[in-house]
């Protein structure tokens, strides 16, 4: 489809011009890979999952307490959202640890690959090294 503009290009009123480097920064994330030849990697992941799960449970308890006592609904919502993310990520970590344990028993080594966006963990998985 061919488009031809005879006049000035009209953009939305809230349009902001950004340069290429800033667009790359906004799209960016980080991938970290660590290779293990011992069981220390997946054992550490199990520990992280337990800590995240416990923290998520406590965060849910705090959120309910804040709403029940009237301390503040916005703070309760923020605490609840954080607790929900921790619970979700704990599940991802357990999956990665379990997969790593299987890979270690079969091949003697494995990789843990984690992804972050703006410093916030967004994913984790185990792969064959």
C-alpha atoms as a PDB file:
ATOM      1  CA  UNK A   1       0.000   0.000   0.000  1.00  0.00           C
ATOM      2  CA  UNK A   2       1.475   3.319  -1.050  1.00  0.00           C
ATOM      3  CA  UNK A   3       0.876   6.439   1.014  1.00  0.00           C
ATOM      4  CA  UNK A   4       1.543   9.978  -0.106  1.00  0.00           C
ATOM      5  CA  UNK A   5       1.476  13.013   2.139  1.00  0.00           C
ATOM      6  CA  UNK A   6       1.054  16.380   0.458  1.00  0.00           C
ATOM      7  CA  UNK A   7       0.954  18.391   3.661  1.00  0.00           C
ATOM      8  CA  UNK A   8       2.425  18.327   7.142  1.00  0.00           C
ATOM      9  CA  UNK A   9       2.236  15.100   9.069  1.00  0.00           C
ATOM     10  CA  UNK A  10      -0.161  15.513  11.994  1.00  0.00           C
ATOM     11  CA  UNK A  11       0.662  13.604  15.171  1.00  0.00           C
ATOM     12  CA  UNK A  12      -1.410  13.141  18.357  1.00  0.00           C
ATOM     13  CA  UNK A  13      -1.251  16.025  20.840  1.00  0.00           C
ATOM     14  CA  UNK A  14       0.658  13.949  23.432  1.00  0.00           C
ATOM     15  CA  UNK A  15       3.227  12.664  20.945  1.00  0.00           C
ATOM     16  CA  UNK A  16       6.842  12.782  22.187  1.00  0.00           C
ATOM     17  CA  UNK A  17       9.865  12.428  19.918  1.00  0.00           C
ATOM     18  CA  UNK A  18      12.520  10.059  21.266  1.00  0.00           C
ATOM     19  CA  UNK A  19      15.849   9.108  19.747  1.00  0.00           C
ATOM     20  CA  UNK A  20      17.046   5.647  18.758  1.00  0.00           C
ATOM     21  CA  UNK A  21      19.119   5.072  21.916  1.00  0.00           C
ATOM     22  CA  UNK A  22      16.156   5.820  24.151  1.00  0.00           C
ATOM     23  CA  UNK A  23      13.945   3.448  22.180  1.00  0.00           C
ATOM     24  CA  UNK A  24      16.549   0.722  22.613  1.00  0.00           C
ATOM     25  CA  UNK A  25      16.647   1.424  26.341  1.00  0.00           C
ATOM     26  CA  UNK A  26      12.857   1.229  26.628  1.00  0.00           C
ATOM     27  CA  UNK A  27      12.729  -2.077  24.743  1.00  0.00           C
ATOM     28  CA  UNK A  28      15.721  -3.496  26.569  1.00  0.00           C
ATOM     29  CA  UNK A  29      16.000  -6.175  29.158  1.00  0.00           C
ATOM     30  CA  UNK A  30      18.720  -8.416  30.437  1.00  0.00           C
ATOM     31  CA  UNK A  31      19.335 -12.131  30.086  1.00  0.00           C
ATOM     32  CA  UNK A  32      21.746 -13.801  32.507  1.00  0.00           C
ATOM     33  CA  UNK A  33      23.006 -17.355  32.040  1.00  0.00           C
ATOM     34  CA  UNK A  34      24.930 -19.407  34.603  1.00  0.00           C
ATOM     35  CA  UNK A  35      26.206 -22.937  34.009  1.00  0.00           C
ATOM     36  CA  UNK A  36      26.444 -25.385  36.929  1.00  0.00           C
ATOM     37  CA  UNK A  37      28.209 -28.722  37.240  1.00  0.00           C
ATOM     38  CA  UNK A  38      27.032 -29.379  40.807  1.00  0.00           C
ATOM     39  CA  UNK A  39      23.688 -29.461  42.557  1.00  0.00           C
ATOM     40  CA  UNK A  40      24.298 -26.060  44.192  1.00  0.00           C
ATOM     41  CA  UNK A  41      22.375 -24.116  41.536  1.00  0.00           C
ATOM     42  CA  UNK A  42      19.079 -25.922  41.794  1.00  0.00           C
ATOM     43  CA  UNK A  43      19.356 -26.224  45.589  1.00  0.00           C
ATOM     44  CA  UNK A  44      19.772 -22.459  45.765  1.00  0.00           C
ATOM     45  CA  UNK A  45      16.680 -22.040  43.554  1.00  0.00           C
ATOM     46  CA  UNK A  46      14.607 -24.208  45.886  1.00  0.00           C
ATOM     47  CA  UNK A  47      15.677 -21.961  48.769  1.00  0.00           C
ATOM     48  CA  UNK A  48      14.765 -18.813  46.832  1.00  0.00           C
ATOM     49  CA  UNK A  49      11.355 -20.293  45.983  1.00  0.00           C
ATOM     50  CA  UNK A  50      10.644 -21.065  49.649  1.00  0.00           C
ATOM     51  CA  UNK A  51      11.637 -17.524  50.653  1.00  0.00           C
ATOM     52  CA  UNK A  52       9.472 -15.974  47.921  1.00  0.00           C
ATOM     53  CA  UNK A  53       6.526 -18.174  48.839  1.00  0.00           C
ATOM     54  CA  UNK A  54       6.781 -17.312  52.524  1.00  0.00           C
ATOM     55  CA  UNK A  55       7.100 -13.625  51.714  1.00  0.00           C
ATOM     56  CA  UNK A  56       4.078 -13.819  49.407  1.00  0.00           C
ATOM     57  CA  UNK A  57       1.993 -15.471  52.115  1.00  0.00           C
ATOM     58  CA  UNK A  58       3.009 -12.833  54.651  1.00  0.00           C
ATOM     59  CA  UNK A  59       2.268 -10.065  52.124  1.00  0.00           C
ATOM     60  CA  UNK A  60      -1.212 -11.478  51.578  1.00  0.00           C
ATOM     61  CA  UNK A  61      -1.762 -11.560  55.337  1.00  0.00           C
ATOM     62  CA  UNK A  62      -0.586  -7.935  55.651  1.00  0.00           C
ATOM     63  CA  UNK A  63      -2.884  -6.811  52.831  1.00  0.00           C
ATOM     64  CA  UNK A  64      -5.898  -8.409  54.463  1.00  0.00           C
ATOM     65  CA  UNK A  65      -4.955  -6.885  57.823  1.00  0.00           C
ATOM     66  CA  UNK A  66      -4.573  -3.412  56.313  1.00  0.00           C
ATOM     67  CA  UNK A  67      -8.008  -3.561  54.725  1.00  0.00           C
ATOM     68  CA  UNK A  68      -9.632  -5.008  57.850  1.00  0.00           C
ATOM     69  CA  UNK A  69      -8.159  -2.345  60.141  1.00  0.00           C
ATOM     70  CA  UNK A  70      -8.703   0.498  57.679  1.00  0.00           C
ATOM     71  CA  UNK A  71      -5.030   1.493  57.564  1.00  0.00           C
ATOM     72  CA  UNK A  72      -5.126   2.157  53.863  1.00  0.00           C
ATOM     73  CA  UNK A  73      -6.557   0.458  50.840  1.00  0.00           C
ATOM     74  CA  UNK A  74      -3.930   1.817  48.367  1.00  0.00           C
ATOM     75  CA  UNK A  75      -1.109   0.422  50.497  1.00  0.00           C
ATOM     76  CA  UNK A  76      -2.990  -2.865  50.826  1.00  0.00           C
ATOM     77  CA  UNK A  77      -3.410  -3.076  47.048  1.00  0.00           C
ATOM     78  CA  UNK A  78       0.304  -2.418  46.499  1.00  0.00           C
ATOM     79  CA  UNK A  79       1.261  -5.003  49.121  1.00  0.00           C
ATOM     80  CA  UNK A  80      -1.187  -7.509  47.640  1.00  0.00           C
ATOM     81  CA  UNK A  81       0.141  -6.967  44.117  1.00  0.00           C
ATOM     82  CA  UNK A  82       3.701  -7.478  45.321  1.00  0.00           C
ATOM     83  CA  UNK A  83       2.672 -10.628  47.169  1.00  0.00           C
ATOM     84  CA  UNK A  84       0.913 -11.945  44.066  1.00  0.00           C
ATOM     85  CA  UNK A  85       4.018 -11.343  41.925  1.00  0.00           C
ATOM     86  CA  UNK A  86       6.200 -13.112  44.510  1.00  0.00           C
ATOM     87  CA  UNK A  87       3.864 -16.102  44.538  1.00  0.00           C
ATOM     88  CA  UNK A  88       3.863 -16.256  40.732  1.00  0.00           C
ATOM     89  CA  UNK A  89       7.644 -15.981  40.516  1.00  0.00           C
ATOM     90  CA  UNK A  90       8.107 -18.593  43.264  1.00  0.00           C
ATOM     91  CA  UNK A  91       6.269 -21.031  40.992  1.00  0.00           C
ATOM     92  CA  UNK A  92       8.571 -20.161  38.080  1.00  0.00           C
ATOM     93  CA  UNK A  93      11.640 -20.675  40.284  1.00  0.00           C
ATOM     94  CA  UNK A  94      10.384 -24.069  41.477  1.00  0.00           C
ATOM     95  CA  UNK A  95       9.783 -25.139  37.869  1.00  0.00           C
ATOM     96  CA  UNK A  96      13.319 -24.071  36.924  1.00  0.00           C
ATOM     97  CA  UNK A  97      14.829 -25.844  39.955  1.00  0.00           C
ATOM     98  CA  UNK A  98      12.944 -29.042  39.202  1.00  0.00           C
ATOM     99  CA  UNK A  99      13.999 -28.965  35.545  1.00  0.00           C
ATOM    100  CA  UNK A 100      17.607 -28.270  36.554  1.00  0.00           C
ATOM    101  CA  UNK A 101      17.576 -31.215  38.945  1.00  0.00           C
ATOM    102  CA  UNK A 102      16.434 -33.530  36.143  1.00  0.00           C
ATOM    103  CA  UNK A 103      19.009 -32.112  33.706  1.00  0.00           C
ATOM    104  CA  UNK A 104      21.777 -32.531  36.283  1.00  0.00           C
ATOM    105  CA  UNK A 105      20.852 -36.158  36.927  1.00  0.00           C
ATOM    106  CA  UNK A 106      20.844 -36.917  33.186  1.00  0.00           C
ATOM    107  CA  UNK A 107      23.730 -34.830  31.846  1.00  0.00           C
ATOM    108  CA  UNK A 108      25.816 -33.755  34.844  1.00  0.00           C
ATOM    109  CA  UNK A 109      25.426 -30.038  34.099  1.00  0.00           C
ATOM    110  CA  UNK A 110      22.745 -27.458  33.332  1.00  0.00           C
ATOM    111  CA  UNK A 111      22.210 -23.755  32.670  1.00  0.00           C
ATOM    112  CA  UNK A 112      19.961 -21.390  34.603  1.00  0.00           C
ATOM    113  CA  UNK A 113      18.709 -18.569  32.373  1.00  0.00           C
ATOM    114  CA  UNK A 114      17.030 -15.600  34.039  1.00  0.00           C
ATOM    115  CA  UNK A 115      15.506 -12.514  32.437  1.00  0.00           C
ATOM    116  CA  UNK A 116      14.878  -9.075  33.903  1.00  0.00           C
ATOM    117  CA  UNK A 117      13.267  -5.877  32.712  1.00  0.00           C
ATOM    118  CA  UNK A 118      14.165  -2.644  34.482  1.00  0.00           C
ATOM    119  CA  UNK A 119      15.813  -4.717  37.200  1.00  0.00           C
ATOM    120  CA  UNK A 120      12.658  -6.717  37.924  1.00  0.00           C
ATOM    121  CA  UNK A 121      12.887 -10.485  37.377  1.00  0.00           C
ATOM    122  CA  UNK A 122      10.489 -11.551  34.628  1.00  0.00           C
ATOM    123  CA  UNK A 123      11.422 -15.150  33.976  1.00  0.00           C
ATOM    124  CA  UNK A 124      13.691 -18.037  34.844  1.00  0.00           C
ATOM    125  CA  UNK A 125      14.263 -21.442  33.292  1.00  0.00           C
ATOM    126  CA  UNK A 126      16.710 -24.327  33.216  1.00  0.00           C
ATOM    127  CA  UNK A 127      18.269 -25.549  29.991  1.00  0.00           C
ATOM    128  CA  UNK A 128      20.676 -28.265  28.948  1.00  0.00           C
ATOM    129  CA  UNK A 129      24.226 -26.924  29.026  1.00  0.00           C
END
